[in-house]
Amino acid sequence: MEQDFKIWMVRAGSGGYLIDEFLSAGIAAIGWNDLGEIPTDISYDSLKQLYERTYPEDSTGRINQNTSQVWRFAKDINIGDKVVTYDSTSRNYYLGEITSDYDFDTTLTFHHIRRVEWMPEPTGRDVLSTASKNTLGSVLTTFEIVSDVWEDLLESNPENATDEEIVLEEKQNIEEEPEKLVELKEDVQYKSQEFIKDIIANLSWQDTERLVAGIFRGIGYKTRMTPSSSDLGSDIIVSPDELGMEEPRIKVEVKKRTREKIGTPDIRSFIGGMRDYNKGIFVSTSGFSKDARHEAERANIAITLVDLDWLVELLLNNYENLDVETKALVPLKRIYWPV
């Protein structure tokens, strides 16, 4: 049977610092007080324009994201929907039910509010499955929660489970957590690598060449760019010394394409220009055809083909050694993960 309610996370401010006000006042609330009361008949586009006028310093991405969250809170949430909020200091999730339409109350810290009937006891984070923890870990202020997570929160709540059941469930989750964390880590790594590939794919061909040259400098080589050619690809001369006198003398060609893979003619042309070099590296953001790989393998000089996946791997392995200009092309932040 399809449920007739939705489940929402509404965060009680950064770190849950408004949790006491949420519980004592019987509310869920969001900030952006300067927007004023949201009119009942406002359209999404009008709300976005209001946000842009109120917070002109915000980026386009932040404007879109925050407008969506305000709209969600004021327009999408209905009476009877379930709501969850989190207190990070006690590591507890509080569960409740929406009992009012959207309201605007200037006596409270956050002015945009919904009345909520909160359950007396919270659900501890430690008894939840890793999948539920992952879903609830989103940094968004307001987002919809799937029913499986809500059921996990309810079943693990002291009102619906004995102390023995909670302890048993916590023990089971602790035993399963290492395996789940590995799966979660692999999922996060895959998604992050895909996002990084998106960034590289959106670089201009000139910036793609600068990125490749910067990666080689991070590895420890000296690089020199040749004059740009007209076929969306030019050469990078790579060597251990700045003058290119020491071996290996490596010629690197970078091709920035969107769909068409590098074929045999491209590899043959590259090999034909290798007279003054003893190694060659061909970088392609669109990959290589099977015949192109065979052509590189048959060459009488060492040719390495680097596709986008390998380029991302090289970028990540050497990121800490990159210069500021190269990091600016693909800005990344280190994330620490449990081992």
Protein backbone atom coordinates (compact mmCIF):
# COMPACT_ATOMS: atom_id res chain seq x y z
CA MET A 1 0.00 0.00 0.00
CA GLU A 2 1.37 3.37 -1.01
CA GLN A 3 1.94 5.74 1.90
CA ASP A 4 0.01 9.02 1.87
CA PHE A 5 2.77 11.10 3.43
CA LYS A 6 6.31 12.18 2.67
CA ILE A 7 9.28 12.24 5.03
CA TRP A 8 11.54 15.28 5.33
CA MET A 9 14.81 16.14 6.99
CA VAL A 10 14.82 19.69 8.37
CA ARG A 11 18.12 20.52 10.03
CA ALA A 12 18.07 22.53 13.25
CA GLY A 13 20.78 24.93 12.13
CA SER A 14 24.47 24.12 11.80
CA GLY A 15 25.31 21.17 14.03
CA GLY A 16 21.75 21.17 15.37
CA TYR A 17 22.31 24.22 17.60
CA LEU A 18 18.57 25.03 17.51
CA ILE A 19 17.47 21.56 18.60
CA ASP A 20 16.20 22.78 21.99
CA GLU A 21 14.07 25.48 20.34
CA PHE A 22 12.72 22.98 17.81
CA LEU A 23 11.64 20.62 20.60
CA SER A 24 10.40 23.15 23.17
CA ALA A 25 8.47 25.28 20.67
CA GLY A 26 7.20 22.29 18.72
CA ILE A 27 8.50 23.49 15.37
CA ALA A 28 10.72 22.77 12.41
CA ALA A 29 12.21 25.88 10.84
CA ILE A 30 14.65 27.19 8.25
CA GLY A 31 16.64 30.42 8.02
CA TRP A 32 16.89 32.98 5.22
CA ASN A 33 14.90 35.36 7.42
CA ASP A 34 15.60 38.36 5.18
CA LEU A 35 13.31 36.91 2.52
CA GLY A 36 10.36 37.83 4.69
CA GLU A 37 7.12 35.87 4.68
CA ILE A 38 6.70 33.71 1.57
CA PRO A 39 3.38 34.61 -0.14
CA THR A 40 1.00 31.71 -0.64
CA ASP A 41 0.55 32.48 -4.34
CA ILE A 42 4.22 33.03 -5.23
CA SER A 43 5.65 31.07 -8.17
CA TYR A 44 9.01 29.33 -8.10
CA ASP A 45 10.49 31.83 -10.56
CA SER A 46 9.26 34.75 -8.45
CA LEU A 47 10.74 33.17 -5.33
CA LYS A 48 14.06 32.76 -7.11
CA GLN A 49 14.00 36.42 -8.16
CA LEU A 50 13.21 37.40 -4.56
CA TYR A 51 16.17 35.34 -3.35
CA GLU A 52 18.49 36.92 -5.93
CA ARG A 53 17.46 40.42 -4.80
CA THR A 54 17.83 39.55 -1.12
CA TYR A 55 21.16 37.69 -1.38
CA PRO A 56 22.87 39.19 -4.47
CA GLU A 57 26.31 38.02 -3.33
CA ASP A 58 25.40 34.33 -3.69
CA SER A 59 26.60 32.32 -6.68
CA THR A 60 24.19 30.99 -9.28
CA GLY A 61 24.55 27.47 -7.92
CA ARG A 62 23.84 28.56 -4.36
CA ILE A 63 20.85 30.64 -5.48
CA ASN A 64 19.34 27.64 -7.26
CA GLN A 65 20.02 25.27 -4.36
CA ASN A 66 18.73 27.55 -1.61
CA THR A 67 15.67 28.66 -3.57
CA SER A 68 14.77 24.99 -3.98
CA GLN A 69 15.12 24.38 -0.24
CA VAL A 70 12.95 27.37 0.70
CA TRP A 71 10.34 26.31 -1.87
CA ARG A 72 10.41 22.75 -0.55
CA PHE A 73 9.83 23.91 3.01
CA ALA A 74 7.13 26.47 2.24
CA LYS A 75 5.30 24.70 -0.59
CA ASP A 76 6.04 20.97 -0.80
CA ILE A 77 5.67 19.93 2.82
CA ASN A 78 2.09 19.09 3.86
CA ILE A 79 0.22 18.54 7.11
CA GLY A 80 0.62 14.88 8.05
CA ASP A 81 4.08 14.54 6.53
CA LYS A 82 6.80 13.13 8.78
CA VAL A 83 9.86 15.15 9.76
CA VAL A 84 13.32 14.30 11.09
CA THR A 85 15.93 16.56 12.63
CA TYR A 86 19.37 15.80 14.05
CA ASP A 87 21.31 16.78 17.15
CA SER A 88 24.96 16.17 16.29
CA THR A 89 26.18 16.65 19.87
CA SER A 90 24.09 13.77 21.24
CA ARG A 91 24.02 11.88 17.90
CA ASN A 92 20.25 11.57 18.08
CA TYR A 93 17.54 11.87 15.44
CA TYR A 94 14.22 13.36 16.54
CA LEU A 95 11.08 12.22 14.71
CA GLY A 96 7.82 14.09 14.36
CA GLU A 97 4.75 14.90 12.31
CA ILE A 98 3.90 18.19 10.57
CA THR A 99 0.75 19.71 12.12
CA SER A 100 0.50 23.09 10.37
CA ASP A 101 0.87 24.88 7.09
CA TYR A 102 3.82 27.20 6.48
CA ASP A 103 4.00 30.16 8.87
CA PHE A 104 6.32 33.12 9.48
CA ASP A 105 7.17 33.89 13.12
CA THR A 106 9.66 36.66 13.91
CA THR A 107 9.79 35.72 17.62
CA LEU A 108 11.82 32.60 16.79
CA THR A 109 15.43 32.32 15.68
CA PHE A 110 14.47 30.97 12.25
CA HIS A 111 11.33 32.74 11.02
CA HIS A 112 10.07 30.27 8.41
CA ILE A 113 8.34 27.56 10.47
CA ARG A 114 6.08 24.52 10.54
CA ARG A 115 4.40 23.28 13.69
CA VAL A 116 5.50 19.77 14.65
CA GLU A 117 4.42 17.13 17.14
CA TRP A 118 7.71 15.55 18.15
CA MET A 119 7.97 11.99 19.49
CA PRO A 120 9.11 11.90 23.15
CA GLU A 121 12.25 9.82 22.53
CA PRO A 122 14.90 10.22 19.81
CA THR A 123 16.53 7.46 17.77
CA GLY A 124 20.27 7.07 18.27
CA ARG A 125 22.45 7.19 15.17
CA ASP A 126 24.50 4.19 16.28
CA VAL A 127 21.60 1.75 15.88
CA LEU A 128 20.89 2.72 12.26
CA SER A 129 22.13 0.87 9.20
CA THR A 130 25.05 2.30 7.25
CA ALA A 131 22.69 2.95 4.32
CA SER A 132 20.42 5.05 6.54
CA LYS A 133 23.37 6.95 8.00
CA ASN A 134 24.58 7.71 4.49
CA THR A 135 21.18 9.02 3.37
CA LEU A 136 20.74 11.15 6.48
CA GLY A 137 24.24 12.60 6.10
CA SER A 138 23.33 15.03 3.32
CA VAL A 139 24.40 18.59 4.16
CA LEU A 140 21.23 20.13 2.71
CA THR A 141 18.98 22.01 5.13
CA THR A 142 15.80 20.37 3.85
CA PHE A 143 15.49 17.22 1.76
CA GLU A 144 13.12 14.30 1.29
CA ILE A 145 13.90 10.97 2.96
CA VAL A 146 12.98 7.59 1.48
CA SER A 147 10.54 5.37 3.37
CA ASP A 148 13.15 2.67 4.12
CA VAL A 149 15.15 5.14 6.20
CA TRP A 150 12.02 6.31 8.03
CA GLU A 151 11.16 2.69 8.87
CA ASP A 152 14.69 2.16 10.17
CA LEU A 153 14.36 5.26 12.36
CA LEU A 154 10.97 4.14 13.69
CA GLU A 155 11.91 0.52 14.33
CA SER A 156 15.02 1.59 16.24
CA ASN A 157 13.18 4.18 18.35
CA PRO A 158 12.83 3.37 22.08
CA GLU A 159 9.03 3.66 21.75
CA ASN A 160 9.00 0.72 19.34
CA ALA A 161 11.96 -1.37 20.51
CA THR A 162 13.09 -2.75 23.85
CA ASP A 163 16.50 -1.95 25.29
CA GLU A 164 17.61 -5.49 24.45
CA GLU A 165 16.51 -5.13 20.84
CA ILE A 166 18.31 -1.79 20.50
CA VAL A 167 21.54 -3.24 21.93
CA LEU A 168 21.26 -6.28 19.64
CA GLU A 169 20.65 -4.09 16.59
CA GLU A 170 23.57 -1.83 17.49
CA LYS A 171 25.84 -4.88 17.84
CA GLN A 172 24.68 -6.24 14.48
CA ASN A 173 25.30 -2.90 12.78
CA ILE A 174 28.79 -2.69 14.28
CA GLU A 175 29.58 -6.15 12.86
CA GLU A 176 28.23 -5.25 9.41
CA GLU A 177 29.59 -1.70 9.30
CA PRO A 178 33.13 -2.43 7.97
CA GLU A 179 31.71 -4.18 4.90
CA LYS A 180 29.10 -1.47 4.36
CA LEU A 181 31.74 1.25 4.76
CA VAL A 182 33.82 -0.38 2.03
CA GLU A 183 30.80 -0.37 -0.29
CA LEU A 184 30.03 3.23 0.61
CA LYS A 185 33.65 4.28 0.10
CA GLU A 186 33.73 2.66 -3.33
CA ASP A 187 30.49 4.40 -4.25
CA VAL A 188 31.80 7.79 -3.08
CA GLN A 189 35.10 7.26 -4.93
CA TYR A 190 33.29 6.35 -8.13
CA LYS A 191 30.99 9.36 -7.94
CA SER A 192 33.82 11.75 -7.10
CA GLN A 193 35.89 10.48 -10.02
CA GLU A 194 32.93 10.95 -12.37
CA PHE A 195 32.47 14.53 -11.12
CA ILE A 196 36.18 15.19 -11.66
CA LYS A 197 35.86 13.85 -15.20
CA ASP A 198 32.92 16.22 -15.71
CA ILE A 199 35.15 19.15 -14.70
CA ILE A 200 37.93 18.10 -17.07
CA ALA A 201 35.46 17.50 -19.90
CA ASN A 202 34.22 21.08 -19.52
CA LEU A 203 37.70 22.62 -19.69
CA SER A 204 38.75 24.35 -22.89
CA TRP A 205 41.31 22.45 -24.96
CA GLN A 206 43.94 25.01 -23.95
CA ASP A 207 43.22 24.47 -20.25
CA THR A 208 43.22 20.70 -20.78
CA GLU A 209 46.75 20.98 -22.16
CA ARG A 210 47.77 23.16 -19.21
CA LEU A 211 46.31 20.55 -16.85
CA VAL A 212 48.29 17.73 -18.47
CA ALA A 213 51.50 19.78 -18.40
CA GLY A 214 50.87 20.62 -14.74
CA ILE A 215 50.42 16.94 -13.87
CA PHE A 216 53.80 16.11 -15.43
CA ARG A 217 55.39 18.91 -13.41
CA GLY A 218 53.76 17.41 -10.31
CA ILE A 219 55.32 14.07 -11.18
CA GLY A 220 58.72 15.79 -11.28
CA TYR A 221 59.38 16.62 -14.93
CA LYS A 222 60.03 19.94 -16.64
CA THR A 223 57.60 20.90 -19.38
CA ARG A 224 57.54 23.18 -22.39
CA MET A 225 54.52 23.91 -24.57
CA THR A 226 54.89 24.01 -28.34
CA PRO A 227 52.93 26.56 -30.40
CA SER A 228 49.26 25.59 -30.55
CA SER A 229 48.06 23.91 -33.72
CA SER A 230 44.66 24.30 -35.32
CA ASP A 231 43.40 20.74 -34.71
CA LEU A 232 42.51 21.20 -31.04
CA GLY A 233 45.72 19.62 -29.87
CA SER A 234 49.34 20.67 -29.47
CA ASP A 235 52.50 19.19 -28.05
CA ILE A 236 54.07 19.28 -24.62
CA ILE A 237 57.78 18.56 -24.42
CA VAL A 238 58.62 16.70 -21.21
CA SER A 239 62.11 16.02 -19.89
CA PRO A 240 64.02 15.80 -16.59
CA ASP A 241 65.80 19.12 -17.23
CA GLU A 242 64.57 22.52 -18.39
CA LEU A 243 66.62 22.50 -21.61
CA GLY A 244 65.40 19.10 -22.78
CA MET A 245 68.94 17.72 -23.00
CA GLU A 246 68.56 14.77 -20.63
CA GLU A 247 66.74 11.55 -21.43
CA PRO A 248 64.02 10.57 -21.55
CA ARG A 249 62.83 13.21 -23.99
CA ILE A 250 59.09 12.72 -24.14
CA LYS A 251 56.62 14.14 -26.60
CA VAL A 252 53.09 14.50 -25.21
CA GLU A 253 50.14 15.19 -27.47
CA VAL A 254 46.77 16.17 -25.99
CA LYS A 255 43.54 15.81 -27.94
CA LYS A 256 40.36 17.31 -26.48
CA ARG A 257 37.32 15.76 -28.13
CA THR A 258 33.81 15.08 -26.91
CA ARG A 259 32.69 11.86 -28.63
CA GLU A 260 34.99 10.64 -31.40
CA LYS A 261 37.69 8.26 -30.20
CA ILE A 262 41.26 8.59 -31.39
CA GLY A 263 41.81 6.32 -34.40
CA THR A 264 44.74 4.73 -36.18
CA PRO A 265 45.52 7.77 -38.42
CA ASP A 266 46.00 9.97 -35.33
CA ILE A 267 48.44 7.48 -33.79
CA ARG A 268 50.38 7.10 -37.05
CA SER A 269 50.64 10.87 -37.40
CA PHE A 270 51.87 11.12 -33.81
CA ILE A 271 54.49 8.41 -34.33
CA GLY A 272 55.63 10.12 -37.52
CA GLY A 273 56.60 13.21 -35.53
CA MET A 274 58.69 11.33 -32.96
CA ARG A 275 62.08 11.64 -34.70
CA ASP A 276 63.63 13.82 -31.97
CA TYR A 277 62.12 11.93 -29.02
CA ASN A 278 62.58 8.50 -27.45
CA LYS A 279 59.15 8.18 -25.78
CA GLY A 280 55.67 9.38 -26.59
CA ILE A 281 52.48 9.89 -24.59
CA PHE A 282 49.14 10.50 -26.28
CA VAL A 283 46.39 11.92 -24.05
CA SER A 284 42.79 11.77 -25.25
CA THR A 285 39.68 12.81 -23.30
CA SER A 286 37.50 10.72 -25.63
CA GLY A 287 39.46 7.47 -25.46
CA PHE A 288 41.08 5.32 -28.14
CA SER A 289 39.73 2.85 -30.66
CA LYS A 290 40.86 -0.78 -30.52
CA ASP A 291 42.83 -0.33 -33.75
CA ALA A 292 44.53 2.78 -32.35
CA ARG A 293 45.72 0.80 -29.32
CA HIS A 294 47.06 -1.95 -31.57
CA GLU A 295 48.88 0.65 -33.67
CA ALA A 296 50.56 2.07 -30.55
CA GLU A 297 51.59 -1.41 -29.40
CA ARG A 298 53.21 -2.17 -32.79
CA ALA A 299 55.24 1.06 -32.85
CA ASN A 300 59.04 0.75 -32.77
CA ILE A 301 59.13 3.45 -30.07
CA ALA A 302 57.51 3.40 -26.62
CA ILE A 303 54.04 4.95 -26.92
CA THR A 304 51.71 5.29 -23.92
CA LEU A 305 48.01 6.05 -24.42
CA VAL A 306 46.31 7.94 -21.58
CA ASP A 307 42.51 8.10 -21.56
CA LEU A 308 40.33 10.20 -19.26
CA ASP A 309 40.17 7.56 -16.50
CA TRP A 310 43.96 7.29 -16.35
CA LEU A 311 44.31 11.07 -16.52
CA VAL A 312 42.08 11.40 -13.44
CA GLU A 313 44.14 8.73 -11.66
CA LEU A 314 47.36 10.62 -12.43
CA LEU A 315 45.75 13.85 -11.25
CA LEU A 316 44.66 12.38 -7.91
CA ASN A 317 47.92 10.52 -7.27
CA ASN A 318 49.96 13.71 -7.74
CA TYR A 319 47.49 16.40 -6.66
CA GLU A 320 49.40 17.49 -3.57
CA ASN A 321 52.48 18.19 -5.74
CA LEU A 322 50.68 20.35 -8.31
CA ASP A 323 51.33 24.08 -8.58
CA VAL A 324 48.62 26.59 -7.72
CA GLU A 325 47.75 27.31 -11.36
CA THR A 326 47.12 23.63 -12.11
CA LYS A 327 45.06 23.05 -8.97
CA ALA A 328 42.89 26.03 -9.94
CA LEU A 329 41.84 24.18 -13.11
CA VAL A 330 40.43 21.27 -11.07
CA PRO A 331 39.96 22.48 -7.47
CA LEU A 332 39.65 19.56 -5.04
CA LYS A 333 39.49 19.15 -1.27
CA ARG A 334 40.99 16.30 0.76
CA ILE A 335 38.42 14.12 2.54
CA TYR A 336 39.35 11.89 5.48
CA TRP A 337 37.73 8.45 5.60
CA PRO A 338 37.65 5.80 8.37
CA VAL A 339 40.06 2.89 7.91
